[in-house]
């Protein structure tokens, strides 16, 4: 048989059997311990996933959605004040997540906004946000956002689906396919 590379120490050795993966008993023990640790990590991860609440999943979905919005609007000025300086930007909501949870993940409702000035200090700078939004998506879409909407009762599966959707959209956006 030709020399093989030990999976533990990466040294070359001569195999005694075709199923051998380590050069010595010491390396074999290391491989077994590493495999067991990996199984424990997978088991722990599965248990942690099972313990997540709806709010945990919604928070993760919001993070994925916000990352997509920041990438989608990269290079655009702040929707409210038109700022283009090198400051921290966020994904600001026109209609708040708490007051309008049915619009929480809608891409018309979320746009690039300077984090400290407009979003935090000026509570969204809504009057100017509306003007910027009309210029961006049109009066009819703003009227739709401001109109009545049916309440949503999102489930954990819905939140997982939203998270997956926005992660995929972000990936496509970065690849230049969207």
C-alpha atoms as a PDB file:
ATOM      1  CA  UNK A   1       0.000   0.000   0.000  1.00  0.00           C
ATOM      2  CA  UNK A   2       1.106   3.558  -0.634  1.00  0.00           C
ATOM      3  CA  UNK A   3       1.759   5.854   2.356  1.00  0.00           C
ATOM      4  CA  UNK A   4      -1.277   7.568   3.891  1.00  0.00           C
ATOM      5  CA  UNK A   5      -1.681  10.798   5.836  1.00  0.00           C
ATOM      6  CA  UNK A   6      -2.784  10.527   9.471  1.00  0.00           C
ATOM      7  CA  UNK A   7      -6.120  12.314  10.024  1.00  0.00           C
ATOM      8  CA  UNK A   8      -4.968  13.504  13.475  1.00  0.00           C
ATOM      9  CA  UNK A   9      -1.316  14.577  13.185  1.00  0.00           C
ATOM     10  CA  UNK A  10      -1.118  14.865   9.352  1.00  0.00           C
ATOM     11  CA  UNK A  11       2.118  12.818   9.257  1.00  0.00           C
ATOM     12  CA  UNK A  12       2.636  10.164   6.590  1.00  0.00           C
ATOM     13  CA  UNK A  13       2.531   6.532   7.724  1.00  0.00           C
ATOM     14  CA  UNK A  14       2.185   3.048   6.307  1.00  0.00           C
ATOM     15  CA  UNK A  15      -1.342   1.608   6.704  1.00  0.00           C
ATOM     16  CA  UNK A  16      -1.774  -1.828   8.250  1.00  0.00           C
ATOM     17  CA  UNK A  17      -5.410  -2.126   7.101  1.00  0.00           C
ATOM     18  CA  UNK A  18      -7.531  -0.374   4.504  1.00  0.00           C
ATOM     19  CA  UNK A  19      -9.791   1.156   7.165  1.00  0.00           C
ATOM     20  CA  UNK A  20      -6.991   2.638   9.270  1.00  0.00           C
ATOM     21  CA  UNK A  21      -7.147   6.448   9.649  1.00  0.00           C
ATOM     22  CA  UNK A  22      -4.472   7.156  12.270  1.00  0.00           C
ATOM     23  CA  UNK A  23      -0.772   6.408  12.519  1.00  0.00           C
ATOM     24  CA  UNK A  24      -0.775   5.397  16.194  1.00  0.00           C
ATOM     25  CA  UNK A  25      -3.103   4.554  19.072  1.00  0.00           C
ATOM     26  CA  UNK A  26      -2.550   8.076  20.469  1.00  0.00           C
ATOM     27  CA  UNK A  27      -3.749   9.656  17.211  1.00  0.00           C
ATOM     28  CA  UNK A  28      -6.668   7.197  17.010  1.00  0.00           C
ATOM     29  CA  UNK A  29      -7.789   8.283  20.498  1.00  0.00           C
ATOM     30  CA  UNK A  30      -7.567  11.943  19.413  1.00  0.00           C
ATOM     31  CA  UNK A  31      -9.763  11.196  16.385  1.00  0.00           C
ATOM     32  CA  UNK A  32     -12.385   9.421  18.497  1.00  0.00           C
ATOM     33  CA  UNK A  33     -12.435  12.266  21.043  1.00  0.00           C
ATOM     34  CA  UNK A  34     -12.779  14.851  18.284  1.00  0.00           C
ATOM     35  CA  UNK A  35     -15.662  12.885  16.723  1.00  0.00           C
ATOM     36  CA  UNK A  36     -17.424  12.658  20.099  1.00  0.00           C
ATOM     37  CA  UNK A  37     -16.957  16.386  20.732  1.00  0.00           C
ATOM     38  CA  UNK A  38     -18.393  17.115  17.291  1.00  0.00           C
ATOM     39  CA  UNK A  39     -21.434  14.939  18.039  1.00  0.00           C
ATOM     40  CA  UNK A  40     -21.936  16.728  21.380  1.00  0.00           C
ATOM     41  CA  UNK A  41     -21.779  20.113  19.612  1.00  0.00           C
ATOM     42  CA  UNK A  42     -24.354  18.985  17.055  1.00  0.00           C
ATOM     43  CA  UNK A  43     -26.624  17.631  19.794  1.00  0.00           C
ATOM     44  CA  UNK A  44     -26.299  20.846  21.814  1.00  0.00           C
ATOM     45  CA  UNK A  45     -27.042  22.916  18.729  1.00  0.00           C
ATOM     46  CA  UNK A  46     -30.182  20.874  17.995  1.00  0.00           C
ATOM     47  CA  UNK A  47     -31.387  21.268  21.581  1.00  0.00           C
ATOM     48  CA  UNK A  48     -30.749  25.030  21.491  1.00  0.00           C
ATOM     49  CA  UNK A  49     -32.732  25.325  18.249  1.00  0.00           C
ATOM     50  CA  UNK A  50     -35.624  23.446  19.845  1.00  0.00           C
ATOM     51  CA  UNK A  51     -35.659  25.849  22.822  1.00  0.00           C
ATOM     52  CA  UNK A  52     -35.934  29.013  20.725  1.00  0.00           C
ATOM     53  CA  UNK A  53     -39.126  30.982  21.172  1.00  0.00           C
ATOM     54  CA  UNK A  54     -41.109  32.838  18.527  1.00  0.00           C
ATOM     55  CA  UNK A  55     -39.503  36.109  19.609  1.00  0.00           C
ATOM     56  CA  UNK A  56     -36.031  34.553  19.161  1.00  0.00           C
ATOM     57  CA  UNK A  57     -36.924  33.510  15.620  1.00  0.00           C
ATOM     58  CA  UNK A  58     -38.476  36.899  14.834  1.00  0.00           C
ATOM     59  CA  UNK A  59     -35.329  38.641  16.064  1.00  0.00           C
ATOM     60  CA  UNK A  60     -33.203  36.439  13.775  1.00  0.00           C
ATOM     61  CA  UNK A  61     -35.574  37.058  10.860  1.00  0.00           C
ATOM     62  CA  UNK A  62     -35.374  40.825  11.505  1.00  0.00           C
ATOM     63  CA  UNK A  63     -31.569  40.652  11.526  1.00  0.00           C
ATOM     64  CA  UNK A  64     -31.587  38.854   8.162  1.00  0.00           C
ATOM     65  CA  UNK A  65     -34.132  41.311   6.738  1.00  0.00           C
ATOM     66  CA  UNK A  66     -32.137  44.331   7.944  1.00  0.00           C
ATOM     67  CA  UNK A  67     -28.917  42.947   6.461  1.00  0.00           C
ATOM     68  CA  UNK A  68     -30.682  42.573   3.113  1.00  0.00           C
ATOM     69  CA  UNK A  69     -32.059  46.140   3.266  1.00  0.00           C
ATOM     70  CA  UNK A  70     -28.660  47.616   4.164  1.00  0.00           C
ATOM     71  CA  UNK A  71     -27.095  45.809   1.198  1.00  0.00           C
ATOM     72  CA  UNK A  72     -29.981  46.686  -1.152  1.00  0.00           C
ATOM     73  CA  UNK A  73     -29.696  50.372  -0.294  1.00  0.00           C
ATOM     74  CA  UNK A  74     -25.909  50.549  -0.018  1.00  0.00           C
ATOM     75  CA  UNK A  75     -24.676  53.691  -1.714  1.00  0.00           C
ATOM     76  CA  UNK A  76     -28.049  55.436  -1.455  1.00  0.00           C
ATOM     77  CA  UNK A  77     -28.468  58.468   0.815  1.00  0.00           C
ATOM     78  CA  UNK A  78     -30.431  58.380   4.060  1.00  0.00           C
ATOM     79  CA  UNK A  79     -34.127  58.141   3.163  1.00  0.00           C
ATOM     80  CA  UNK A  80     -34.969  60.932   5.636  1.00  0.00           C
ATOM     81  CA  UNK A  81     -32.228  63.558   5.500  1.00  0.00           C
ATOM     82  CA  UNK A  82     -30.316  62.664   2.340  1.00  0.00           C
ATOM     83  CA  UNK A  83     -27.067  62.244   4.279  1.00  0.00           C
ATOM     84  CA  UNK A  84     -24.308  60.521   2.311  1.00  0.00           C
ATOM     85  CA  UNK A  85     -21.477  61.006   4.833  1.00  0.00           C
ATOM     86  CA  UNK A  86     -19.550  58.077   6.235  1.00  0.00           C
ATOM     87  CA  UNK A  87     -21.725  57.375   9.289  1.00  0.00           C
ATOM     88  CA  UNK A  88     -23.395  54.245  10.579  1.00  0.00           C
ATOM     89  CA  UNK A  89     -26.579  53.422   8.685  1.00  0.00           C
ATOM     90  CA  UNK A  90     -29.416  51.126   9.709  1.00  0.00           C
ATOM     91  CA  UNK A  91     -32.560  49.665   8.221  1.00  0.00           C
ATOM     92  CA  UNK A  92     -35.138  52.163   9.463  1.00  0.00           C
ATOM     93  CA  UNK A  93     -38.859  51.421   9.449  1.00  0.00           C
ATOM     94  CA  UNK A  94     -41.381  53.985   8.185  1.00  0.00           C
ATOM     95  CA  UNK A  95     -44.214  52.340  10.082  1.00  0.00           C
ATOM     96  CA  UNK A  96     -42.820  51.051  13.386  1.00  0.00           C
ATOM     97  CA  UNK A  97     -42.463  47.347  14.089  1.00  0.00           C
ATOM     98  CA  UNK A  98     -44.423  47.648  17.333  1.00  0.00           C
ATOM     99  CA  UNK A  99     -47.267  49.731  15.950  1.00  0.00           C
ATOM    100  CA  UNK A 100     -47.529  47.911  12.624  1.00  0.00           C
ATOM    101  CA  UNK A 101     -46.174  44.365  13.025  1.00  0.00           C
ATOM    102  CA  UNK A 102     -47.857  43.334   9.761  1.00  0.00           C
ATOM    103  CA  UNK A 103     -45.388  45.616   7.899  1.00  0.00           C
ATOM    104  CA  UNK A 104     -42.360  44.590   9.952  1.00  0.00           C
ATOM    105  CA  UNK A 105     -40.696  42.671   7.116  1.00  0.00           C
ATOM    106  CA  UNK A 106     -42.150  44.486   4.078  1.00  0.00           C
ATOM    107  CA  UNK A 107     -39.322  45.934   1.941  1.00  0.00           C
ATOM    108  CA  UNK A 108     -41.289  49.127   1.116  1.00  0.00           C
ATOM    109  CA  UNK A 109     -41.470  49.885   4.841  1.00  0.00           C
ATOM    110  CA  UNK A 110     -37.729  49.495   5.504  1.00  0.00           C
ATOM    111  CA  UNK A 111     -35.052  51.722   4.032  1.00  0.00           C
ATOM    112  CA  UNK A 112     -31.503  52.918   4.637  1.00  0.00           C
ATOM    113  CA  UNK A 113     -31.441  55.544   7.337  1.00  0.00           C
ATOM    114  CA  UNK A 114     -28.639  57.199   9.296  1.00  0.00           C
ATOM    115  CA  UNK A 115     -28.666  55.383  12.599  1.00  0.00           C
ATOM    116  CA  UNK A 116     -27.784  58.006  15.179  1.00  0.00           C
ATOM    117  CA  UNK A 117     -29.342  61.157  13.761  1.00  0.00           C
ATOM    118  CA  UNK A 118     -32.573  60.237  11.986  1.00  0.00           C
ATOM    119  CA  UNK A 119     -33.443  56.831  13.424  1.00  0.00           C
ATOM    120  CA  UNK A 120     -32.554  57.358  17.091  1.00  0.00           C
ATOM    121  CA  UNK A 121     -32.380  61.114  17.828  1.00  0.00           C
ATOM    122  CA  UNK A 122     -35.270  62.130  15.585  1.00  0.00           C
ATOM    123  CA  UNK A 123     -37.396  58.986  16.168  1.00  0.00           C
ATOM    124  CA  UNK A 124     -37.256  58.055  12.506  1.00  0.00           C
ATOM    125  CA  UNK A 125     -37.550  61.619  11.165  1.00  0.00           C
ATOM    126  CA  UNK A 126     -40.929  60.482   9.817  1.00  0.00           C
ATOM    127  CA  UNK A 127     -42.012  63.675   8.013  1.00  0.00           C
ATOM    128  CA  UNK A 128     -38.873  63.734   5.892  1.00  0.00           C
ATOM    129  CA  UNK A 129     -38.905  59.900   5.657  1.00  0.00           C
ATOM    130  CA  UNK A 130     -42.324  60.146   3.971  1.00  0.00           C
ATOM    131  CA  UNK A 131     -41.026  62.652   1.398  1.00  0.00           C
ATOM    132  CA  UNK A 132     -38.019  60.432   0.637  1.00  0.00           C
ATOM    133  CA  UNK A 133     -40.263  57.380   0.438  1.00  0.00           C
ATOM    134  CA  UNK A 134     -42.598  59.051  -2.073  1.00  0.00           C
ATOM    135  CA  UNK A 135     -39.575  59.879  -4.231  1.00  0.00           C
ATOM    136  CA  UNK A 136     -38.325  56.298  -3.958  1.00  0.00           C
ATOM    137  CA  UNK A 137     -41.441  54.117  -4.305  1.00  0.00           C
ATOM    138  CA  UNK A 138     -44.175  56.518  -5.425  1.00  0.00           C
ATOM    139  CA  UNK A 139     -47.274  58.043  -3.849  1.00  0.00           C
ATOM    140  CA  UNK A 140     -49.500  55.008  -4.497  1.00  0.00           C
ATOM    141  CA  UNK A 141     -47.173  52.664  -2.598  1.00  0.00           C
ATOM    142  CA  UNK A 142     -46.868  55.117   0.310  1.00  0.00           C
ATOM    143  CA  UNK A 143     -50.668  55.380   0.430  1.00  0.00           C
ATOM    144  CA  UNK A 144     -50.807  51.580   0.555  1.00  0.00           C
ATOM    145  CA  UNK A 145     -48.290  51.527   3.434  1.00  0.00           C
ATOM    146  CA  UNK A 146     -50.355  54.106   5.321  1.00  0.00           C
ATOM    147  CA  UNK A 147     -53.622  52.255   4.701  1.00  0.00           C
ATOM    148  CA  UNK A 148     -55.189  49.507   6.770  1.00  0.00           C
ATOM    149  CA  UNK A 149     -53.591  46.072   6.841  1.00  0.00           C
ATOM    150  CA  UNK A 150     -54.770  42.752   8.155  1.00  0.00           C
ATOM    151  CA  UNK A 151     -53.030  41.633  11.333  1.00  0.00           C
ATOM    152  CA  UNK A 152     -50.589  38.762  11.029  1.00  0.00           C
ATOM    153  CA  UNK A 153     -50.167  35.974  13.519  1.00  0.00           C
ATOM    154  CA  UNK A 154     -46.714  34.743  12.586  1.00  0.00           C
ATOM    155  CA  UNK A 155     -45.616  31.304  13.701  1.00  0.00           C
ATOM    156  CA  UNK A 156     -42.120  29.974  14.287  1.00  0.00           C
ATOM    157  CA  UNK A 157     -42.248  28.344  10.851  1.00  0.00           C
ATOM    158  CA  UNK A 158     -43.195  31.710   9.310  1.00  0.00           C
ATOM    159  CA  UNK A 159     -40.262  33.405  11.049  1.00  0.00           C
ATOM    160  CA  UNK A 160     -37.891  30.666   9.873  1.00  0.00           C
ATOM    161  CA  UNK A 161     -39.192  31.072   6.324  1.00  0.00           C
ATOM    162  CA  UNK A 162     -38.756  34.867   6.439  1.00  0.00           C
ATOM    163  CA  UNK A 163     -35.213  34.471   7.764  1.00  0.00           C
ATOM    164  CA  UNK A 164     -34.351  31.988   5.023  1.00  0.00           C
ATOM    165  CA  UNK A 165     -35.928  34.177   2.329  1.00  0.00           C
ATOM    166  CA  UNK A 166     -33.959  37.283   3.270  1.00  0.00           C
ATOM    167  CA  UNK A 167     -30.705  35.338   3.645  1.00  0.00           C
ATOM    168  CA  UNK A 168     -31.203  33.970   0.122  1.00  0.00           C
ATOM    169  CA  UNK A 169     -32.077  37.435  -1.212  1.00  0.00           C
ATOM    170  CA  UNK A 170     -28.945  38.885   0.389  1.00  0.00           C
ATOM    171  CA  UNK A 171     -26.828  36.160  -1.155  1.00  0.00           C
ATOM    172  CA  UNK A 172     -28.340  36.797  -4.606  1.00  0.00           C
ATOM    173  CA  UNK A 173     -27.881  40.542  -4.186  1.00  0.00           C
ATOM    174  CA  UNK A 174     -24.206  40.110  -3.330  1.00  0.00           C
ATOM    175  CA  UNK A 175     -23.767  37.856  -6.367  1.00  0.00           C
ATOM    176  CA  UNK A 176     -25.374  40.531  -8.533  1.00  0.00           C
ATOM    177  CA  UNK A 177     -28.384  38.404  -9.499  1.00  0.00           C
ATOM    178  CA  UNK A 178     -31.099  40.684  -8.090  1.00  0.00           C
END
